[in-house]
Amino acid sequence: MQSGDSAVADASHPVSPETLALVRTGRGLSGGLLVCATWETDSRPEVLELASRLTSETRAEPGCISFELCLPVEHSRRVVVLERYTDVVAFDAHRHTPHFLEIMQGQIAPLLSSRQIVVHEV
């Protein structure tokens, strides 16, 4: 399946075009995903405080296997987020939760100077 295809991972939860664009192929529809997000910010203490709330909410999601914040020693402006989900449906569901929309999109994203997301199939 190509990323331009309209994919349905299961009948109850169609995968959004945004998530399929991140995955780039439909291969992640049947296996686990490791998501590595790299954030750059001049407001790391504030971002970390907000991210702690996002972390606890995300870890409670049914398809979340793990959600970790990493602070690279050599980059004081960087935060690396390692997320693992059971499949692309769980990742897509995460991206549409109230806590993701409120905390990540509404509060953290405006504090970031850049945000890169790399999705790996596991």
PDB file of N, CA and C in Angstrom:
ATOM      1  N   MET A   1       0.841  -1.165   0.000  1.00  0.00           N
ATOM      2  CA  MET A   1       0.000   0.000   0.000  1.00  0.00           C
ATOM      3  C   MET A   1       0.889   1.231   0.000  1.00  0.00           C
ATOM      4  N   GLN A   2       0.559   2.215  -0.769  1.00  0.00           N
ATOM      5  CA  GLN A   2       1.310   3.458  -0.847  1.00  0.00           C
ATOM      6  C   GLN A   2       0.687   4.481   0.091  1.00  0.00           C
ATOM      7  N   SER A   3       1.479   5.484   0.492  1.00  0.00           N
ATOM      8  CA  SER A   3       0.988   6.461   1.456  1.00  0.00           C
ATOM      9  C   SER A   3      -0.184   7.265   0.920  1.00  0.00           C
ATOM     10  N   GLY A   4      -0.366   7.346  -0.395  1.00  0.00           N
ATOM     11  CA  GLY A   4      -1.488   8.069  -0.951  1.00  0.00           C
ATOM     12  C   GLY A   4      -2.778   7.282  -0.938  1.00  0.00           C
ATOM     13  N   ASP A   5      -2.704   5.973  -0.681  1.00  0.00           N
ATOM     14  CA  ASP A   5      -3.896   5.144  -0.647  1.00  0.00           C
ATOM     15  C   ASP A   5      -4.743   5.497   0.562  1.00  0.00           C
ATOM     16  N   SER A   6      -6.047   5.320   0.431  1.00  0.00           N
ATOM     17  CA  SER A   6      -6.890   5.491   1.607  1.00  0.00           C
ATOM     18  C   SER A   6      -6.898   4.154   2.336  1.00  0.00           C
ATOM     19  N   ALA A   7      -6.253   4.110   3.471  1.00  0.00           N
ATOM     20  CA  ALA A   7      -6.080   2.856   4.199  1.00  0.00           C
ATOM     21  C   ALA A   7      -7.006   2.811   5.392  1.00  0.00           C
ATOM     22  N   VAL A   8      -7.460   1.623   5.690  1.00  0.00           N
ATOM     23  CA  VAL A   8      -8.226   1.388   6.892  1.00  0.00           C
ATOM     24  C   VAL A   8      -7.536   0.254   7.620  1.00  0.00           C
ATOM     25  N   ALA A   9      -7.001   0.546   8.806  1.00  0.00           N
ATOM     26  CA  ALA A   9      -6.280  -0.464   9.563  1.00  0.00           C
ATOM     27  C   ALA A   9      -7.242  -1.487  10.136  1.00  0.00           C
ATOM     28  N   ASP A  10      -8.352  -1.048  10.606  1.00  0.00           N
ATOM     29  CA  ASP A  10      -9.433  -1.934  10.995  1.00  0.00           C
ATOM     30  C   ASP A  10     -10.724  -1.143  10.840  1.00  0.00           C
ATOM     31  N   ALA A  11     -11.829  -1.830  10.840  1.00  0.00           N
ATOM     32  CA  ALA A  11     -13.097  -1.177  10.539  1.00  0.00           C
ATOM     33  C   ALA A  11     -13.468  -0.090  11.543  1.00  0.00           C
ATOM     34  N   SER A  12     -12.977  -0.187  12.770  1.00  0.00           N
ATOM     35  CA  SER A  12     -13.377   0.781  13.796  1.00  0.00           C
ATOM     36  C   SER A  12     -12.511   2.035  13.833  1.00  0.00           C
ATOM     37  N   HIS A  13     -11.330   1.997  13.205  1.00  0.00           N
ATOM     38  CA  HIS A  13     -10.452   3.161  13.295  1.00  0.00           C
ATOM     39  C   HIS A  13      -9.664   3.358  12.005  1.00  0.00           C
ATOM     40  N   PRO A  14     -10.167   4.159  11.068  1.00  0.00           N
ATOM     41  CA  PRO A  14      -9.398   4.443   9.872  1.00  0.00           C
ATOM     42  C   PRO A  14      -8.160   5.263  10.247  1.00  0.00           C
ATOM     43  N   VAL A  15      -7.067   4.996   9.586  1.00  0.00           N
ATOM     44  CA  VAL A  15      -5.813   5.698   9.864  1.00  0.00           C
ATOM     45  C   VAL A  15      -5.824   7.019   9.107  1.00  0.00           C
ATOM     46  N   SER A  16      -5.486   8.098   9.805  1.00  0.00           N
ATOM     47  CA  SER A  16      -5.538   9.417   9.185  1.00  0.00           C
ATOM     48  C   SER A  16      -4.442   9.576   8.129  1.00  0.00           C
ATOM     49  N   PRO A  17      -4.692  10.418   7.136  1.00  0.00           N
ATOM     50  CA  PRO A  17      -3.676  10.674   6.109  1.00  0.00           C
ATOM     51  C   PRO A  17      -2.376  11.225   6.697  1.00  0.00           C
ATOM     52  N   GLU A  18      -2.487  12.003   7.782  1.00  0.00           N
ATOM     53  CA  GLU A  18      -1.289  12.554   8.408  1.00  0.00           C
ATOM     54  C   GLU A  18      -0.385  11.461   8.949  1.00  0.00           C
ATOM     55  N   THR A  19      -0.992  10.469   9.615  1.00  0.00           N
ATOM     56  CA  THR A  19      -0.207   9.376  10.173  1.00  0.00           C
ATOM     57  C   THR A  19       0.374   8.521   9.062  1.00  0.00           C
ATOM     58  N   LEU A  20      -0.407   8.254   8.027  1.00  0.00           N
ATOM     59  CA  LEU A  20       0.124   7.477   6.909  1.00  0.00           C
ATOM     60  C   LEU A  20       1.287   8.205   6.247  1.00  0.00           C
ATOM     61  N   ALA A  21       1.229   9.527   6.187  1.00  0.00           N
ATOM     62  CA  ALA A  21       2.347  10.281   5.618  1.00  0.00           C
ATOM     63  C   ALA A  21       3.598  10.112   6.468  1.00  0.00           C
ATOM     64  N   LEU A  22       3.438  10.051   7.792  1.00  0.00           N
ATOM     65  CA  LEU A  22       4.585   9.838   8.667  1.00  0.00           C
ATOM     66  C   LEU A  22       5.175   8.447   8.482  1.00  0.00           C
ATOM     67  N   VAL A  23       4.331   7.465   8.338  1.00  0.00           N
ATOM     68  CA  VAL A  23       4.794   6.083   8.185  1.00  0.00           C
ATOM     69  C   VAL A  23       5.343   5.848   6.773  1.00  0.00           C
ATOM     70  N   ARG A  24       4.803   6.552   5.792  1.00  0.00           N
ATOM     71  CA  ARG A  24       5.213   6.510   4.387  1.00  0.00           C
ATOM     72  C   ARG A  24       4.821   5.244   3.636  1.00  0.00           C
ATOM     73  N   THR A  25       4.512   4.176   4.290  1.00  0.00           N
ATOM     74  CA  THR A  25       3.981   2.972   3.649  1.00  0.00           C
ATOM     75  C   THR A  25       2.972   2.364   4.594  1.00  0.00           C
ATOM     76  N   GLY A  26       2.198   1.421   4.127  1.00  0.00           N
ATOM     77  CA  GLY A  26       1.212   0.749   4.966  1.00  0.00           C
ATOM     78  C   GLY A  26       1.799  -0.380   5.778  1.00  0.00           C
ATOM     79  N   ARG A  27       3.122  -0.618   5.701  1.00  0.00           N
ATOM     80  CA  ARG A  27       3.716  -1.766   6.379  1.00  0.00           C
ATOM     81  C   ARG A  27       3.512  -1.729   7.887  1.00  0.00           C
ATOM     82  N   GLY A  28       3.488  -0.578   8.491  1.00  0.00           N
ATOM     83  CA  GLY A  28       3.327  -0.468   9.931  1.00  0.00           C
ATOM     84  C   GLY A  28       1.928  -0.758  10.425  1.00  0.00           C
ATOM     85  N   LEU A  29       1.012  -1.056   9.504  1.00  0.00           N
ATOM     86  CA  LEU A  29      -0.359  -1.317   9.912  1.00  0.00           C
ATOM     87  C   LEU A  29      -0.499  -2.620  10.683  1.00  0.00           C
ATOM     88  N   SER A  30       0.432  -3.554  10.499  1.00  0.00           N
ATOM     89  CA  SER A  30       0.268  -4.853  11.150  1.00  0.00           C
ATOM     90  C   SER A  30       1.320  -5.131  12.217  1.00  0.00           C
ATOM     91  N   GLY A  31       2.218  -4.208  12.490  1.00  0.00           N
ATOM     92  CA  GLY A  31       3.261  -4.441  13.487  1.00  0.00           C
ATOM     93  C   GLY A  31       3.477  -3.220  14.351  1.00  0.00           C
ATOM     94  N   GLY A  32       4.412  -3.342  15.283  1.00  0.00           N
ATOM     95  CA  GLY A  32       4.686  -2.260  16.210  1.00  0.00           C
ATOM     96  C   GLY A  32       5.431  -1.106  15.563  1.00  0.00           C
ATOM     97  N   LEU A  33       5.348   0.051  16.221  1.00  0.00           N
ATOM     98  CA  LEU A  33       6.037   1.247  15.747  1.00  0.00           C
ATOM     99  C   LEU A  33       6.884   1.837  16.860  1.00  0.00           C
ATOM    100  N   LEU A  34       8.067   2.304  16.488  1.00  0.00           N
ATOM    101  CA  LEU A  34       8.913   3.102  17.366  1.00  0.00           C
ATOM    102  C   LEU A  34       8.957   4.494  16.749  1.00  0.00           C
ATOM    103  N   VAL A  35       8.566   5.481  17.517  1.00  0.00           N
ATOM    104  CA  VAL A  35       8.524   6.852  17.036  1.00  0.00           C
ATOM    105  C   VAL A  35       9.580   7.644  17.787  1.00  0.00           C
ATOM    106  N   CYS A  36      10.445   8.303  17.032  1.00  0.00           N
ATOM    107  CA  CYS A  36      11.491   9.143  17.625  1.00  0.00           C
ATOM    108  C   CYS A  36      11.209  10.587  17.221  1.00  0.00           C
ATOM    109  N   ALA A  37      10.853  11.392  18.205  1.00  0.00           N
ATOM    110  CA  ALA A  37      10.584  12.812  17.961  1.00  0.00           C
ATOM    111  C   ALA A  37      11.702  13.632  18.585  1.00  0.00           C
ATOM    112  N   THR A  38      12.250  14.549  17.809  1.00  0.00           N
ATOM    113  CA  THR A  38      13.314  15.426  18.302  1.00  0.00           C
ATOM    114  C   THR A  38      12.781  16.847  18.313  1.00  0.00           C
ATOM    115  N   TRP A  39      12.802  17.451  19.501  1.00  0.00           N
ATOM    116  CA  TRP A  39      12.321  18.810  19.676  1.00  0.00           C
ATOM    117  C   TRP A  39      13.497  19.723  19.966  1.00  0.00           C
ATOM    118  N   GLU A  40      13.500  20.914  19.394  1.00  0.00           N
ATOM    119  CA  GLU A  40      14.463  21.968  19.719  1.00  0.00           C
ATOM    120  C   GLU A  40      13.678  23.110  20.351  1.00  0.00           C
ATOM    121  N   THR A  41      14.203  23.653  21.464  1.00  0.00           N
ATOM    122  CA  THR A  41      13.495  24.724  22.161  1.00  0.00           C
ATOM    123  C   THR A  41      14.462  25.571  22.988  1.00  0.00           C
ATOM    124  N   ASP A  42      14.117  26.826  23.165  1.00  0.00           N
ATOM    125  CA  ASP A  42      14.836  27.706  24.088  1.00  0.00           C
ATOM    126  C   ASP A  42      14.165  27.694  25.457  1.00  0.00           C
ATOM    127  N   SER A  43      13.086  26.927  25.583  1.00  0.00           N
ATOM    128  CA  SER A  43      12.297  26.873  26.818  1.00  0.00           C
ATOM    129  C   SER A  43      12.252  25.447  27.363  1.00  0.00           C
ATOM    130  N   ARG A  44      13.412  24.787  27.433  1.00  0.00           N
ATOM    131  CA  ARG A  44      13.420  23.373  27.818  1.00  0.00           C
ATOM    132  C   ARG A  44      12.789  23.109  29.183  1.00  0.00           C
ATOM    133  N   PRO A  45      13.049  23.892  30.244  1.00  0.00           N
ATOM    134  CA  PRO A  45      12.398  23.607  31.532  1.00  0.00           C
ATOM    135  C   PRO A  45      10.866  23.644  31.452  1.00  0.00           C
ATOM    136  N   GLU A  46      10.328  24.615  30.753  1.00  0.00           N
ATOM    137  CA  GLU A  46       8.873  24.716  30.603  1.00  0.00           C
ATOM    138  C   GLU A  46       8.332  23.555  29.759  1.00  0.00           C
ATOM    139  N   VAL A  47       9.039  23.221  28.683  1.00  0.00           N
ATOM    140  CA  VAL A  47       8.636  22.096  27.828  1.00  0.00           C
ATOM    141  C   VAL A  47       8.642  20.798  28.629  1.00  0.00           C
ATOM    142  N   LEU A  48       9.664  20.593  29.451  1.00  0.00           N
ATOM    143  CA  LEU A  48       9.746  19.370  30.250  1.00  0.00           C
ATOM    144  C   LEU A  48       8.624  19.276  31.271  1.00  0.00           C
ATOM    145  N   GLU A  49       8.260  20.392  31.858  1.00  0.00           N
ATOM    146  CA  GLU A  49       7.150  20.389  32.813  1.00  0.00           C
ATOM    147  C   GLU A  49       5.847  19.991  32.117  1.00  0.00           C
ATOM    148  N   LEU A  50       5.594  20.559  30.957  1.00  0.00           N
ATOM    149  CA  LEU A  50       4.400  20.202  30.192  1.00  0.00           C
ATOM    150  C   LEU A  50       4.475  18.754  29.710  1.00  0.00           C
ATOM    151  N   ALA A  51       5.657  18.344  29.270  1.00  0.00           N
ATOM    152  CA  ALA A  51       5.837  16.988  28.749  1.00  0.00           C
ATOM    153  C   ALA A  51       5.629  15.927  29.824  1.00  0.00           C
ATOM    154  N   SER A  52       5.868  16.267  31.088  1.00  0.00           N
ATOM    155  CA  SER A  52       5.638  15.277  32.149  1.00  0.00           C
ATOM    156  C   SER A  52       4.160  14.929  32.243  1.00  0.00           C
ATOM    157  N   ARG A  53       3.287  15.911  32.046  1.00  0.00           N
ATOM    158  CA  ARG A  53       1.841  15.639  32.010  1.00  0.00           C
ATOM    159  C   ARG A  53       1.474  14.799  30.791  1.00  0.00           C
ATOM    160  N   LEU A  54       2.056  15.144  29.639  1.00  0.00           N
ATOM    161  CA  LEU A  54       1.798  14.391  28.418  1.00  0.00           C
ATOM    162  C   LEU A  54       2.262  12.945  28.572  1.00  0.00           C
ATOM    163  N   THR A  55       3.397  12.756  29.215  1.00  0.00           N
ATOM    164  CA  THR A  55       3.959  11.415  29.410  1.00  0.00           C
ATOM    165  C   THR A  55       3.019  10.540  30.220  1.00  0.00           C
ATOM    166  N   SER A  56       2.544  11.029  31.346  1.00  0.00           N
ATOM    167  CA  SER A  56       1.682  10.197  32.202  1.00  0.00           C
ATOM    168  C   SER A  56       0.373   9.855  31.496  1.00  0.00           C
ATOM    169  N   GLU A  57      -0.209  10.799  30.774  1.00  0.00           N
ATOM    170  CA  GLU A  57      -1.453  10.534  30.042  1.00  0.00           C
ATOM    171  C   GLU A  57      -1.218   9.537  28.915  1.00  0.00           C
ATOM    172  N   THR A  58      -0.114   9.696  28.183  1.00  0.00           N
ATOM    173  CA  THR A  58       0.174   8.826  27.039  1.00  0.00           C
ATOM    174  C   THR A  58       0.450   7.402  27.494  1.00  0.00           C
ATOM    175  N   ARG A  59       1.195   7.233  28.572  1.00  0.00           N
ATOM    176  CA  ARG A  59       1.506   5.886  29.071  1.00  0.00           C
ATOM    177  C   ARG A  59       0.252   5.114  29.454  1.00  0.00           C
ATOM    178  N   ALA A  60      -0.838   5.806  29.742  1.00  0.00           N
ATOM    179  CA  ALA A  60      -2.095   5.151  30.113  1.00  0.00           C
ATOM    180  C   ALA A  60      -2.920   4.719  28.895  1.00  0.00           C
ATOM    181  N   GLU A  61      -2.513   5.107  27.701  1.00  0.00           N
ATOM    182  CA  GLU A  61      -3.254   4.734  26.492  1.00  0.00           C
ATOM    183  C   GLU A  61      -3.117   3.233  26.245  1.00  0.00           C
ATOM    184  N   PRO A  62      -4.183   2.580  25.781  1.00  0.00           N
ATOM    185  CA  PRO A  62      -4.142   1.126  25.595  1.00  0.00           C
ATOM    186  C   PRO A  62      -3.077   0.633  24.616  1.00  0.00           C
ATOM    187  N   GLY A  63      -2.758   1.369  23.555  1.00  0.00           N
ATOM    188  CA  GLY A  63      -1.782   0.907  22.570  1.00  0.00           C
ATOM    189  C   GLY A  63      -0.375   1.387  22.794  1.00  0.00           C
ATOM    190  N   CYS A  64      -0.147   2.128  23.889  1.00  0.00           N
ATOM    191  CA  CYS A  64       1.196   2.646  24.176  1.00  0.00           C
ATOM    192  C   CYS A  64       1.996   1.597  24.941  1.00  0.00           C
ATOM    193  N   ILE A  65       3.136   1.219  24.387  1.00  0.00           N
ATOM    194  CA  ILE A  65       4.040   0.284  25.059  1.00  0.00           C
ATOM    195  C   ILE A  65       5.010   1.054  25.948  1.00  0.00           C
ATOM    196  N   SER A  66       5.518   2.180  25.447  1.00  0.00           N
ATOM    197  CA  SER A  66       6.409   3.019  26.253  1.00  0.00           C
ATOM    198  C   SER A  66       6.437   4.437  25.704  1.00  0.00           C
ATOM    199  N   PHE A  67       6.790   5.377  26.568  1.00  0.00           N
ATOM    200  CA  PHE A  67       6.888   6.791  26.205  1.00  0.00           C
ATOM    201  C   PHE A  67       7.956   7.388  27.118  1.00  0.00           C
ATOM    202  N   GLU A  68       9.107   7.744  26.550  1.00  0.00           N
ATOM    203  CA  GLU A  68      10.247   8.214  27.346  1.00  0.00           C
ATOM    204  C   GLU A  68      10.773   9.549  26.831  1.00  0.00           C
ATOM    205  N   LEU A  69      11.137  10.421  27.752  1.00  0.00           N
ATOM    206  CA  LEU A  69      11.802  11.674  27.418  1.00  0.00           C
ATOM    207  C   LEU A  69      13.300  11.518  27.663  1.00  0.00           C
ATOM    208  N   CYS A  70      14.103  11.923  26.714  1.00  0.00           N
ATOM    209  CA  CYS A  70      15.558  11.837  26.824  1.00  0.00           C
ATOM    210  C   CYS A  70      16.150  13.225  26.642  1.00  0.00           C
ATOM    211  N   LEU A  71      17.155  13.535  27.452  1.00  0.00           N
ATOM    212  CA  LEU A  71      17.795  14.844  27.394  1.00  0.00           C
ATOM    213  C   LEU A  71      19.250  14.681  26.966  1.00  0.00           C
ATOM    214  N   PRO A  72      19.548  14.916  25.700  1.00  0.00           N
ATOM    215  CA  PRO A  72      20.925  14.784  25.248  1.00  0.00           C
ATOM    216  C   PRO A  72      21.847  15.753  25.989  1.00  0.00           C
ATOM    217  N   VAL A  73      22.903  15.229  26.554  1.00  0.00           N
ATOM    218  CA  VAL A  73      23.842  16.035  27.350  1.00  0.00           C
ATOM    219  C   VAL A  73      24.495  17.112  26.490  1.00  0.00           C
ATOM    220  N   GLU A  74      24.829  16.765  25.251  1.00  0.00           N
ATOM    221  CA  GLU A  74      25.568  17.693  24.401  1.00  0.00           C
ATOM    222  C   GLU A  74      24.687  18.729  23.704  1.00  0.00           C
ATOM    223  N   HIS A  75      23.351  18.649  23.902  1.00  0.00           N
ATOM    224  CA  HIS A  75      22.433  19.594  23.259  1.00  0.00           C
ATOM    225  C   HIS A  75      21.438  20.117  24.290  1.00  0.00           C
ATOM    226  N   SER A  76      21.740  21.257  24.894  1.00  0.00           N
ATOM    227  CA  SER A  76      20.910  21.784  25.982  1.00  0.00           C
ATOM    228  C   SER A  76      19.546  22.288  25.511  1.00  0.00           C
ATOM    229  N   ARG A  77      19.362  22.461  24.212  1.00  0.00           N
ATOM    230  CA  ARG A  77      18.080  22.928  23.672  1.00  0.00           C
ATOM    231  C   ARG A  77      17.211  21.775  23.164  1.00  0.00           C
ATOM    232  N   ARG A  78      17.713  20.548  23.233  1.00  0.00           N
ATOM    233  CA  ARG A  78      17.035  19.418  22.587  1.00  0.00           C
ATOM    234  C   ARG A  78      16.347  18.506  23.604  1.00  0.00           C
ATOM    235  N   VAL A  79      15.209  17.985  23.189  1.00  0.00           N
ATOM    236  CA  VAL A  79      14.494  16.930  23.909  1.00  0.00           C
ATOM    237  C   VAL A  79      14.184  15.849  22.883  1.00  0.00           C
ATOM    238  N   VAL A  80      14.511  14.604  23.208  1.00  0.00           N
ATOM    239  CA  VAL A  80      14.202  13.481  22.335  1.00  0.00           C
ATOM    240  C   VAL A  80      13.118  12.660  23.020  1.00  0.00           C
ATOM    241  N   VAL A  81      12.078  12.361  22.272  1.00  0.00           N
ATOM    242  CA  VAL A  81      10.965  11.581  22.796  1.00  0.00           C
ATOM    243  C   VAL A  81      10.947  10.248  22.055  1.00  0.00           C
ATOM    244  N   LEU A  82      11.039   9.160  22.811  1.00  0.00           N
ATOM    245  CA  LEU A  82      10.977   7.824  22.231  1.00  0.00           C
ATOM    246  C   LEU A  82       9.638   7.206  22.616  1.00  0.00           C
ATOM    247  N   GLU A  83       8.835   6.890  21.614  1.00  0.00           N
ATOM    248  CA  GLU A  83       7.490   6.367  21.827  1.00  0.00           C
ATOM    249  C   GLU A  83       7.385   5.008  21.142  1.00  0.00           C
ATOM    250  N   ARG A  84       6.753   4.061  21.802  1.00  0.00           N
ATOM    251  CA  ARG A  84       6.541   2.763  21.172  1.00  0.00           C
ATOM    252  C   ARG A  84       5.062   2.410  21.288  1.00  0.00           C
ATOM    253  N   TYR A  85       4.489   2.007  20.151  1.00  0.00           N
ATOM    254  CA  TYR A  85       3.069   1.683  20.062  1.00  0.00           C
ATOM    255  C   TYR A  85       2.896   0.294  19.467  1.00  0.00           C
ATOM    256  N   THR A  86       1.774  -0.338  19.784  1.00  0.00           N
ATOM    257  CA  THR A  86       1.499  -1.682  19.285  1.00  0.00           C
ATOM    258  C   THR A  86       1.364  -1.703  17.764  1.00  0.00           C
ATOM    259  N   ASP A  87       0.841  -0.624  17.189  1.00  0.00           N
ATOM    260  CA  ASP A  87       0.671  -0.541  15.732  1.00  0.00           C
ATOM    261  C   ASP A  87       0.344   0.904  15.349  1.00  0.00           C
ATOM    262  N   VAL A  88       0.185   1.132  14.059  1.00  0.00           N
ATOM    263  CA  VAL A  88      -0.076   2.480  13.574  1.00  0.00           C
ATOM    264  C   VAL A  88      -1.442   2.987  14.032  1.00  0.00           C
ATOM    265  N   VAL A  89      -2.386   2.097  14.268  1.00  0.00           N
ATOM    266  CA  VAL A  89      -3.702   2.507  14.765  1.00  0.00           C
ATOM    267  C   VAL A  89      -3.564   3.131  16.154  1.00  0.00           C
ATOM    268  N   ALA A  90      -2.749   2.513  17.017  1.00  0.00           N
ATOM    269  CA  ALA A  90      -2.527   3.056  18.361  1.00  0.00           C
ATOM    270  C   ALA A  90      -1.819   4.409  18.290  1.00  0.00           C
ATOM    271  N   PHE A  91      -0.842   4.536  17.394  1.00  0.00           N
ATOM    272  CA  PHE A  91      -0.133   5.805  17.216  1.00  0.00           C
ATOM    273  C   PHE A  91      -1.090   6.881  16.714  1.00  0.00           C
ATOM    274  N   ASP A  92      -1.916   6.519  15.749  1.00  0.00           N
ATOM    275  CA  ASP A  92      -2.883   7.462  15.214  1.00  0.00           C
ATOM    276  C   ASP A  92      -3.883   7.883  16.289  1.00  0.00           C
ATOM    277  N   ALA A  93      -4.344   6.922  17.084  1.00  0.00           N
ATOM    278  CA  ALA A  93      -5.274   7.240  18.168  1.00  0.00           C
ATOM    279  C   ALA A  93      -4.626   8.207  19.162  1.00  0.00           C
ATOM    280  N   HIS A  94      -3.340   7.984  19.467  1.00  0.00           N
ATOM    281  CA  HIS A  94      -2.601   8.878  20.375  1.00  0.00           C
ATOM    282  C   HIS A  94      -2.624  10.310  19.849  1.00  0.00           C
ATOM    283  N   ARG A  95      -2.398  10.472  18.559  1.00  0.00           N
ATOM    284  CA  ARG A  95      -2.322  11.807  17.954  1.00  0.00           C
ATOM    285  C   ARG A  95      -3.677  12.532  17.927  1.00  0.00           C
ATOM    286  N   HIS A  96      -4.735  11.840  18.322  1.00  0.00           N
ATOM    287  CA  HIS A  96      -6.064  12.450  18.345  1.00  0.00           C
ATOM    288  C   HIS A  96      -6.676  12.487  19.752  1.00  0.00           C
ATOM    289  N   THR A  97      -5.880  12.164  20.772  1.00  0.00           N
ATOM    290  CA  THR A  97      -6.391  12.211  22.144  1.00  0.00           C
ATOM    291  C   THR A  97      -6.503  13.657  22.618  1.00  0.00           C
ATOM    292  N   PRO A  98      -7.394  13.918  23.567  1.00  0.00           N
ATOM    293  CA  PRO A  98      -7.495  15.281  24.108  1.00  0.00           C
ATOM    294  C   PRO A  98      -6.178  15.769  24.712  1.00  0.00           C
ATOM    295  N   HIS A  99      -5.437  14.891  25.411  1.00  0.00           N
ATOM    296  CA  HIS A  99      -4.186  15.357  26.025  1.00  0.00           C
ATOM    297  C   HIS A  99      -3.127  15.685  24.975  1.00  0.00           C
ATOM    298  N   PHE A 100      -3.063  14.937  23.870  1.00  0.00           N
ATOM    299  CA  PHE A 100      -2.112  15.267  22.804  1.00  0.00           C
ATOM    300  C   PHE A 100      -2.479  16.614  22.181  1.00  0.00           C
ATOM    301  N   LEU A 101      -3.749  16.776  21.859  1.00  0.00           N
ATOM    302  CA  LEU A 101      -4.193  18.019  21.222  1.00  0.00           C
ATOM    303  C   LEU A 101      -4.004  19.221  22.142  1.00  0.00           C
ATOM    304  N   GLU A 102      -4.337  19.047  23.414  1.00  0.00           N
ATOM    305  CA  GLU A 102      -4.225  20.169  24.358  1.00  0.00           C
ATOM    306  C   GLU A 102      -2.771  20.455  24.748  1.00  0.00           C
ATOM    307  N   ILE A 103      -2.056  19.423  25.185  1.00  0.00           N
ATOM    308  CA  ILE A 103      -0.706  19.651  25.726  1.00  0.00           C
ATOM    309  C   ILE A 103       0.330  19.766  24.610  1.00  0.00           C
ATOM    310  N   MET A 104       0.383  18.775  23.706  1.00  0.00           N
ATOM    311  CA  MET A 104       1.412  18.792  22.667  1.00  0.00           C
ATOM    312  C   MET A 104       1.153  19.894  21.653  1.00  0.00           C
ATOM    313  N   GLN A 105      -0.009  19.829  21.018  1.00  0.00           N
ATOM    314  CA  GLN A 105      -0.295  20.795  19.960  1.00  0.00           C
ATOM    315  C   GLN A 105      -0.546  22.201  20.512  1.00  0.00           C
ATOM    316  N   GLY A 106      -1.271  22.284  21.616  1.00  0.00           N
ATOM    317  CA  GLY A 106      -1.667  23.589  22.136  1.00  0.00           C
ATOM    318  C   GLY A 106      -0.629  24.300  22.975  1.00  0.00           C
ATOM    319  N   GLN A 107       0.210  23.541  23.721  1.00  0.00           N
ATOM    320  CA  GLN A 107       1.131  24.184  24.659  1.00  0.00           C
ATOM    321  C   GLN A 107       2.604  23.944  24.346  1.00  0.00           C
ATOM    322  N   ILE A 108       2.973  22.719  24.002  1.00  0.00           N
ATOM    323  CA  ILE A 108       4.387  22.427  23.742  1.00  0.00           C
ATOM    324  C   ILE A 108       4.810  22.916  22.360  1.00  0.00           C
ATOM    325  N   ALA A 109       4.048  22.573  21.326  1.00  0.00           N
ATOM    326  CA  ALA A 109       4.440  22.919  19.949  1.00  0.00           C
ATOM    327  C   ALA A 109       4.769  24.403  19.758  1.00  0.00           C
ATOM    328  N   PRO A 110       3.998  25.331  20.350  1.00  0.00           N
ATOM    329  CA  PRO A 110       4.354  26.742  20.173  1.00  0.00           C
ATOM    330  C   PRO A 110       5.709  27.122  20.790  1.00  0.00           C
ATOM    331  N   LEU A 111       6.217  26.304  21.706  1.00  0.00           N
ATOM    332  CA  LEU A 111       7.507  26.589  22.348  1.00  0.00           C
ATOM    333  C   LEU A 111       8.692  25.988  21.594  1.00  0.00           C
ATOM    334  N   LEU A 112       8.422  25.237  20.537  1.00  0.00           N
ATOM    335  CA  LEU A 112       9.487  24.549  19.811  1.00  0.00           C
ATOM    336  C   LEU A 112       9.942  25.354  18.602  1.00  0.00           C
ATOM    337  N   SER A 113      11.264  25.393  18.403  1.00  0.00           N
ATOM    338  CA  SER A 113      11.787  26.033  17.193  1.00  0.00           C
ATOM    339  C   SER A 113      11.847  25.040  16.041  1.00  0.00           C
ATOM    340  N   SER A 114      11.898  23.741  16.364  1.00  0.00           N
ATOM    341  CA  SER A 114      11.799  22.706  15.337  1.00  0.00           C
ATOM    342  C   SER A 114      11.297  21.418  15.971  1.00  0.00           C
ATOM    343  N   ARG A 115      10.742  20.576  15.109  1.00  0.00           N
ATOM    344  CA  ARG A 115      10.182  19.296  15.561  1.00  0.00           C
ATOM    345  C   ARG A 115      10.307  18.303  14.412  1.00  0.00           C
ATOM    346  N   GLN A 116      11.052  17.244  14.646  1.00  0.00           N
ATOM    347  CA  GLN A 116      11.244  16.217  13.633  1.00  0.00           C
ATOM    348  C   GLN A 116      10.722  14.897  14.174  1.00  0.00           C
ATOM    349  N   ILE A 117       9.977  14.171  13.351  1.00  0.00           N
ATOM    350  CA  ILE A 117       9.417  12.881  13.760  1.00  0.00           C
ATOM    351  C   ILE A 117       9.871  11.832  12.767  1.00  0.00           C
ATOM    352  N   VAL A 118      10.459  10.745  13.298  1.00  0.00           N
ATOM    353  CA  VAL A 118      10.881   9.615  12.472  1.00  0.00           C
ATOM    354  C   VAL A 118      10.173   8.381  13.005  1.00  0.00           C
ATOM    355  N   VAL A 119       9.499   7.654  12.112  1.00  0.00           N
ATOM    356  CA  VAL A 119       8.745   6.462  12.502  1.00  0.00           C
ATOM    357  C   VAL A 119       9.493   5.239  11.999  1.00  0.00           C
ATOM    358  N   HIS A 120       9.694   4.277  12.904  1.00  0.00           N
ATOM    359  CA  HIS A 120      10.385   3.025  12.572  1.00  0.00           C
ATOM    360  C   HIS A 120       9.431   1.866  12.802  1.00  0.00           C
ATOM    361  N   GLU A 121       9.441   0.909  11.898  1.00  0.00           N
ATOM    362  CA  GLU A 121       8.680  -0.310  12.084  1.00  0.00           C
ATOM    363  C   GLU A 121       9.512  -1.273  12.923  1.00  0.00           C
ATOM    364  N   VAL A 122       8.902  -1.901  13.937  1.00  0.00           N
ATOM    365  CA  VAL A 122       9.630  -2.857  14.786  1.00  0.00           C
ATOM    366  C   VAL A 122       8.942  -4.212  14.763  1.00  0.00           C
TER     367      VAL A 122
END
